Amino acid sequence: MKFEDLINYNHKNSTNYKNRGYHDEYRGSTYNSYSNRGYDGNYKIRFILDKIRNNKKLKLFLIAAVVLLLVIIIAVILILLPLLIKLFDYISQNGIQGILEFLTEFLNKLWQGSAT
């Protein structure tokens, strides 16, 4: 330790390990439980949600995207509804045994090469 260090006691100029300022560096890093910069898995999600909350155009875009997705899902369900009704009618008339027999016959024809 130099004589100037004794007079002007400065942690950064000291050669002692404890006084080098390492303690102060770690105080604001990820070891601090109050720090937002740590290895928090939800940090990115919170960042994105804050961006959405503060950006009006992004909010409108996401709302429009969700509405469009719901419309597409409802359209697909309505298109496939007659097919589902026919499938349930076939199951109610023939049972599971009839479905298994139909599948085995179809697979046998497919294996032989005449599945038309």
C-alpha atoms as a PDB file:
ATOM      1  CA  MET A   1       0.000   0.000   0.000  1.00  0.00           C
ATOM      2  CA  LYS A   2       1.371   3.385  -0.948  1.00  0.00           C
ATOM      3  CA  PHE A   3       1.545   6.386   1.302  1.00  0.00           C
ATOM      4  CA  GLU A   4      -0.890   8.337  -0.897  1.00  0.00           C
ATOM      5  CA  ASP A   5      -3.400   5.559  -0.499  1.00  0.00           C
ATOM      6  CA  LEU A   6      -3.284   5.970   3.255  1.00  0.00           C
ATOM      7  CA  ILE A   7      -3.961   9.673   3.055  1.00  0.00           C
ATOM      8  CA  ASN A   8      -6.466   9.575   0.219  1.00  0.00           C
ATOM      9  CA  TYR A   9      -8.213   6.337   1.028  1.00  0.00           C
ATOM     10  CA  ASN A  10      -9.719   5.236  -2.252  1.00  0.00           C
ATOM     11  CA  HIS A  11     -11.148   1.777  -2.865  1.00  0.00           C
ATOM     12  CA  LYS A  12     -10.305   1.723  -6.560  1.00  0.00           C
ATOM     13  CA  ASN A  13      -6.627   2.561  -6.059  1.00  0.00           C
ATOM     14  CA  SER A  14      -6.085   0.085  -3.264  1.00  0.00           C
ATOM     15  CA  THR A  15      -4.250  -3.165  -3.980  1.00  0.00           C
ATOM     16  CA  ASN A  16      -6.153  -5.060  -1.328  1.00  0.00           C
ATOM     17  CA  TYR A  17      -8.590  -7.596  -2.844  1.00  0.00           C
ATOM     18  CA  LYS A  18     -11.475  -6.605  -0.612  1.00  0.00           C
ATOM     19  CA  ASN A  19     -11.094  -2.936  -1.444  1.00  0.00           C
ATOM     20  CA  ARG A  20     -10.793  -3.197  -5.231  1.00  0.00           C
ATOM     21  CA  GLY A  21     -14.409  -2.469  -5.841  1.00  0.00           C
ATOM     22  CA  TYR A  22     -15.393  -6.042  -6.671  1.00  0.00           C
ATOM     23  CA  HIS A  23     -17.954  -5.956  -3.930  1.00  0.00           C
ATOM     24  CA  ASP A  24     -19.578  -2.889  -5.461  1.00  0.00           C
ATOM     25  CA  GLU A  25     -19.548  -4.438  -8.927  1.00  0.00           C
ATOM     26  CA  TYR A  26     -21.404  -7.524  -7.746  1.00  0.00           C
ATOM     27  CA  ARG A  27     -23.881  -5.475  -5.784  1.00  0.00           C
ATOM     28  CA  GLY A  28     -25.725  -4.437  -8.947  1.00  0.00           C
ATOM     29  CA  SER A  29     -25.320  -7.644 -10.899  1.00  0.00           C
ATOM     30  CA  THR A  30     -27.405 -10.789 -11.088  1.00  0.00           C
ATOM     31  CA  TYR A  31     -26.685 -11.709  -7.508  1.00  0.00           C
ATOM     32  CA  ASN A  32     -28.946  -8.936  -6.327  1.00  0.00           C
ATOM     33  CA  SER A  33     -32.461 -10.211  -5.783  1.00  0.00           C
ATOM     34  CA  TYR A  34     -33.973  -6.828  -6.680  1.00  0.00           C
ATOM     35  CA  SER A  35     -32.182  -6.543  -9.998  1.00  0.00           C
ATOM     36  CA  ASN A  36     -34.142  -6.766 -13.258  1.00  0.00           C
ATOM     37  CA  ARG A  37     -31.031  -7.728 -15.191  1.00  0.00           C
ATOM     38  CA  GLY A  38     -30.709 -11.180 -13.658  1.00  0.00           C
ATOM     39  CA  TYR A  39     -31.392 -14.568 -15.143  1.00  0.00           C
ATOM     40  CA  ASP A  40     -35.117 -14.077 -14.965  1.00  0.00           C
ATOM     41  CA  GLY A  41     -36.909 -16.291 -17.448  1.00  0.00           C
ATOM     42  CA  ASN A  42     -39.896 -13.955 -17.617  1.00  0.00           C
ATOM     43  CA  TYR A  43     -37.828 -10.865 -18.376  1.00  0.00           C
ATOM     44  CA  LYS A  44     -38.245 -11.148 -22.151  1.00  0.00           C
ATOM     45  CA  ILE A  45     -41.966 -11.801 -21.849  1.00  0.00           C
ATOM     46  CA  ARG A  46     -42.403  -8.808 -19.553  1.00  0.00           C
ATOM     47  CA  PHE A  47     -40.362  -6.684 -21.974  1.00  0.00           C
ATOM     48  CA  ILE A  48     -42.569  -7.718 -24.909  1.00  0.00           C
ATOM     49  CA  LEU A  49     -45.764  -7.129 -22.918  1.00  0.00           C
ATOM     50  CA  ASP A  50     -44.548  -3.666 -21.929  1.00  0.00           C
ATOM     51  CA  LYS A  51     -43.820  -2.899 -25.581  1.00  0.00           C
ATOM     52  CA  ILE A  52     -47.312  -4.042 -26.565  1.00  0.00           C
ATOM     53  CA  ARG A  53     -48.940  -2.064 -23.765  1.00  0.00           C
ATOM     54  CA  ASN A  54     -47.149   1.145 -24.751  1.00  0.00           C
ATOM     55  CA  ASN A  55     -47.485   0.881 -28.545  1.00  0.00           C
ATOM     56  CA  LYS A  56     -50.976   1.606 -29.897  1.00  0.00           C
ATOM     57  CA  LYS A  57     -50.283   0.364 -33.439  1.00  0.00           C
ATOM     58  CA  LEU A  58     -48.853  -2.903 -32.139  1.00  0.00           C
ATOM     59  CA  LYS A  59     -51.950  -3.407 -29.959  1.00  0.00           C
ATOM     60  CA  LEU A  60     -54.255  -2.880 -32.937  1.00  0.00           C
ATOM     61  CA  PHE A  61     -52.195  -5.254 -35.076  1.00  0.00           C
ATOM     62  CA  LEU A  62     -52.298  -8.002 -32.441  1.00  0.00           C
ATOM     63  CA  ILE A  63     -56.035  -7.581 -31.889  1.00  0.00           C
ATOM     64  CA  ALA A  64     -56.633  -7.793 -35.653  1.00  0.00           C
ATOM     65  CA  ALA A  65     -54.404 -10.892 -35.877  1.00  0.00           C
ATOM     66  CA  VAL A  66     -56.291 -12.629 -33.048  1.00  0.00           C
ATOM     67  CA  VAL A  67     -59.677 -11.813 -34.633  1.00  0.00           C
ATOM     68  CA  LEU A  68     -58.460 -13.104 -38.018  1.00  0.00           C
ATOM     69  CA  LEU A  69     -57.174 -16.298 -36.400  1.00  0.00           C
ATOM     70  CA  LEU A  70     -60.513 -16.872 -34.677  1.00  0.00           C
ATOM     71  CA  VAL A  71     -62.388 -16.337 -37.958  1.00  0.00           C
ATOM     72  CA  ILE A  72     -60.140 -18.872 -39.710  1.00  0.00           C
ATOM     73  CA  ILE A  73     -60.633 -21.447 -36.942  1.00  0.00           C
ATOM     74  CA  ILE A  74     -64.424 -21.013 -37.027  1.00  0.00           C
ATOM     75  CA  ALA A  75     -64.424 -21.317 -40.849  1.00  0.00           C
ATOM     76  CA  VAL A  76     -62.422 -24.550 -40.729  1.00  0.00           C
ATOM     77  CA  ILE A  77     -64.791 -25.990 -38.135  1.00  0.00           C
ATOM     78  CA  LEU A  78     -67.816 -25.043 -40.264  1.00  0.00           C
ATOM     79  CA  ILE A  79     -66.245 -26.573 -43.367  1.00  0.00           C
ATOM     80  CA  LEU A  80     -65.390 -29.810 -41.572  1.00  0.00           C
ATOM     81  CA  LEU A  81     -68.697 -30.035 -39.673  1.00  0.00           C
ATOM     82  CA  PRO A  82     -70.534 -32.149 -42.323  1.00  0.00           C
ATOM     83  CA  LEU A  83     -67.584 -34.543 -42.447  1.00  0.00           C
ATOM     84  CA  LEU A  84     -67.604 -34.859 -38.657  1.00  0.00           C
ATOM     85  CA  ILE A  85     -71.363 -35.486 -38.639  1.00  0.00           C
ATOM     86  CA  LYS A  86     -70.943 -38.274 -41.223  1.00  0.00           C
ATOM     87  CA  LEU A  87     -68.109 -39.774 -39.175  1.00  0.00           C
ATOM     88  CA  PHE A  88     -70.204 -39.813 -35.995  1.00  0.00           C
ATOM     89  CA  ASP A  89     -73.156 -41.353 -37.855  1.00  0.00           C
ATOM     90  CA  TYR A  90     -70.903 -44.098 -39.250  1.00  0.00           C
ATOM     91  CA  ILE A  91     -69.501 -44.785 -35.783  1.00  0.00           C
ATOM     92  CA  SER A  92     -72.977 -44.921 -34.238  1.00  0.00           C
ATOM     93  CA  GLN A  93     -74.264 -47.320 -36.924  1.00  0.00           C
ATOM     94  CA  ASN A  94     -71.268 -49.670 -37.197  1.00  0.00           C
ATOM     95  CA  GLY A  95     -69.483 -49.232 -33.874  1.00  0.00           C
ATOM     96  CA  ILE A  96     -65.763 -49.483 -33.311  1.00  0.00           C
ATOM     97  CA  GLN A  97     -65.654 -53.013 -34.651  1.00  0.00           C
ATOM     98  CA  GLY A  98     -66.996 -51.803 -38.020  1.00  0.00           C
ATOM     99  CA  ILE A  99     -64.323 -49.077 -38.161  1.00  0.00           C
ATOM    100  CA  LEU A 100     -61.560 -51.593 -37.439  1.00  0.00           C
ATOM    101  CA  GLU A 101     -62.882 -53.953 -40.134  1.00  0.00           C
ATOM    102  CA  PHE A 102     -63.055 -51.090 -42.653  1.00  0.00           C
ATOM    103  CA  LEU A 103     -59.472 -50.053 -41.832  1.00  0.00           C
ATOM    104  CA  THR A 104     -58.112 -53.603 -42.137  1.00  0.00           C
ATOM    105  CA  GLU A 105     -59.850 -54.097 -45.496  1.00  0.00           C
ATOM    106  CA  PHE A 106     -58.520 -50.765 -46.738  1.00  0.00           C
ATOM    107  CA  LEU A 107     -54.971 -51.560 -45.584  1.00  0.00           C
ATOM    108  CA  ASN A 108     -55.115 -55.009 -47.232  1.00  0.00           C
ATOM    109  CA  LYS A 109     -56.216 -53.439 -50.524  1.00  0.00           C
ATOM    110  CA  LEU A 110     -53.518 -50.814 -50.208  1.00  0.00           C
ATOM    111  CA  TRP A 111     -50.905 -53.487 -49.544  1.00  0.00           C
ATOM    112  CA  GLN A 112     -52.008 -55.444 -52.615  1.00  0.00           C
ATOM    113  CA  GLY A 113     -52.016 -52.328 -54.764  1.00  0.00           C
ATOM    114  CA  SER A 114     -55.713 -52.145 -55.582  1.00  0.00           C
ATOM    115  CA  ALA A 115     -56.987 -49.602 -53.061  1.00  0.00           C
ATOM    116  CA  THR A 116     -59.529 -47.777 -55.218  1.00  0.00           C
END
